Amino acid sequence: MATPVLMRSLLAALPLMLGAPVSALAQQPLAVPPLSSAPWVPGASCPLLVPLKDSVLQPLRIQPRQVPRKNAGGCLSAADALYSADGCPLKLCPRALPSLDL
């Protein structure tokens, strides 16, 4: 555990390491602004799109108001999905063709 003197020294050096005062960093806008500050609690679980043994690969549920923006962005990878209006993944994105030359 760090001593109080060491902690004060580290905190004093933090703005120098980051290149800006800590107070200025706290006022920076987020790269991606949150949709809401209210916590979102998902309802019932979504149906699995993957086999049960691969359930860790199931795309996560998103907030219903995020669906239009997410679907407009299309598939970001083969592990991505298109979403239904309730925020559940509706359809897995297609896998890339193995013989496609770029």
Protein backbone atom coordinates (compact mmCIF):
# COMPACT_ATOMS: atom_id res chain seq x y z
CA MET A 1 0.00 0.00 0.00
CA ALA A 2 1.30 3.44 -0.90
CA THR A 3 2.18 5.88 1.84
CA PRO A 4 0.34 9.22 2.06
CA VAL A 5 3.48 11.06 0.90
CA LEU A 6 3.82 8.81 -2.15
CA MET A 7 0.13 9.24 -2.98
CA ARG A 8 0.43 13.05 -2.82
CA SER A 9 3.48 12.92 -5.08
CA LEU A 10 1.69 10.71 -7.60
CA LEU A 11 -1.39 12.94 -7.60
CA ALA A 12 0.77 16.04 -8.05
CA ALA A 13 2.58 14.44 -11.02
CA LEU A 14 -0.62 13.21 -12.71
CA PRO A 15 -1.32 16.44 -14.65
CA LEU A 16 2.26 16.45 -15.93
CA MET A 17 1.98 12.84 -17.09
CA LEU A 18 -1.32 13.50 -18.83
CA GLY A 19 -0.26 16.81 -20.33
CA ALA A 20 -3.22 18.72 -18.94
CA PRO A 21 -4.61 19.72 -15.55
CA VAL A 22 -6.87 17.10 -14.02
CA SER A 23 -9.69 19.64 -13.76
CA ALA A 24 -9.50 20.23 -17.54
CA LEU A 25 -9.63 16.49 -18.21
CA ALA A 26 -12.74 16.14 -16.08
CA GLN A 27 -14.51 18.73 -18.25
CA GLN A 28 -13.70 17.02 -21.57
CA PRO A 29 -16.74 15.67 -23.42
CA LEU A 30 -17.03 11.94 -23.87
CA ALA A 31 -16.01 10.48 -27.22
CA VAL A 32 -19.42 8.83 -27.44
CA PRO A 33 -22.02 10.68 -25.39
CA PRO A 34 -24.32 8.49 -23.30
CA LEU A 35 -27.90 8.22 -24.47
CA SER A 36 -29.17 8.69 -20.95
CA SER A 37 -27.85 8.86 -17.43
CA ALA A 38 -30.70 6.68 -16.19
CA PRO A 39 -29.77 3.02 -15.72
CA TRP A 40 -31.34 0.64 -18.20
CA VAL A 41 -32.75 -2.63 -16.94
CA PRO A 42 -33.39 -5.20 -19.66
CA GLY A 43 -36.68 -7.06 -19.64
CA ALA A 44 -37.04 -10.71 -20.50
CA SER A 45 -34.07 -12.46 -22.02
CA CYS A 46 -33.62 -12.60 -25.77
CA PRO A 47 -33.81 -15.83 -27.74
CA LEU A 48 -30.43 -17.43 -28.46
CA LEU A 49 -29.12 -17.02 -32.00
CA VAL A 50 -26.19 -19.34 -31.34
CA PRO A 51 -26.13 -22.93 -30.05
CA LEU A 52 -26.39 -23.22 -26.27
CA LYS A 53 -22.80 -24.48 -26.02
CA ASP A 54 -21.67 -21.21 -27.70
CA SER A 55 -23.88 -18.91 -25.63
CA VAL A 56 -20.91 -16.70 -24.70
CA LEU A 57 -20.89 -15.65 -28.38
CA GLN A 58 -24.50 -14.40 -28.24
CA PRO A 59 -24.64 -10.68 -29.13
CA LEU A 60 -25.72 -8.55 -26.18
CA ARG A 61 -29.08 -6.88 -25.88
CA ILE A 62 -29.08 -3.11 -26.36
CA GLN A 63 -31.47 -0.37 -25.37
CA PRO A 64 -34.45 -0.13 -27.74
CA ARG A 65 -33.65 3.49 -28.60
CA GLN A 66 -30.15 2.46 -29.71
CA VAL A 67 -31.52 0.03 -32.34
CA PRO A 68 -31.98 2.45 -35.28
CA ARG A 69 -28.45 3.84 -34.93
CA LYS A 70 -26.94 0.37 -34.48
CA ASN A 71 -28.76 -1.16 -37.45
CA ALA A 72 -27.93 1.85 -39.63
CA GLY A 73 -24.25 1.18 -38.96
CA GLY A 74 -24.57 -2.31 -40.41
CA CYS A 75 -22.40 -5.26 -39.48
CA LEU A 76 -19.08 -4.40 -37.90
CA SER A 77 -17.90 -8.02 -37.78
CA ALA A 78 -19.14 -11.57 -38.19
CA ALA A 79 -19.79 -11.62 -34.43
CA ASP A 80 -22.22 -8.69 -34.77
CA ALA A 81 -25.98 -8.83 -35.32
CA LEU A 82 -28.92 -6.86 -36.61
CA TYR A 83 -31.40 -5.93 -33.88
CA SER A 84 -35.16 -5.98 -33.46
CA ALA A 85 -37.11 -3.02 -32.08
CA ASP A 86 -37.03 -4.40 -28.52
CA GLY A 87 -33.21 -4.41 -28.47
CA CYS A 88 -32.76 -8.16 -28.88
CA PRO A 89 -30.37 -9.44 -31.55
CA LEU A 90 -32.55 -10.59 -34.44
CA LYS A 91 -30.11 -12.04 -36.96
CA LEU A 92 -26.39 -12.75 -36.88
CA CYS A 93 -24.31 -10.96 -39.47
CA PRO A 94 -23.11 -13.11 -42.37
CA ARG A 95 -19.66 -14.66 -42.23
CA ALA A 96 -17.03 -13.47 -44.69
CA LEU A 97 -16.44 -15.61 -47.75
CA PRO A 98 -13.19 -17.59 -47.31
CA SER A 99 -12.18 -17.42 -50.99
CA LEU A 100 -12.71 -13.70 -51.48
CA ASP A 101 -9.51 -11.95 -52.61
CA LEU A 102 -9.10 -8.29 -51.80
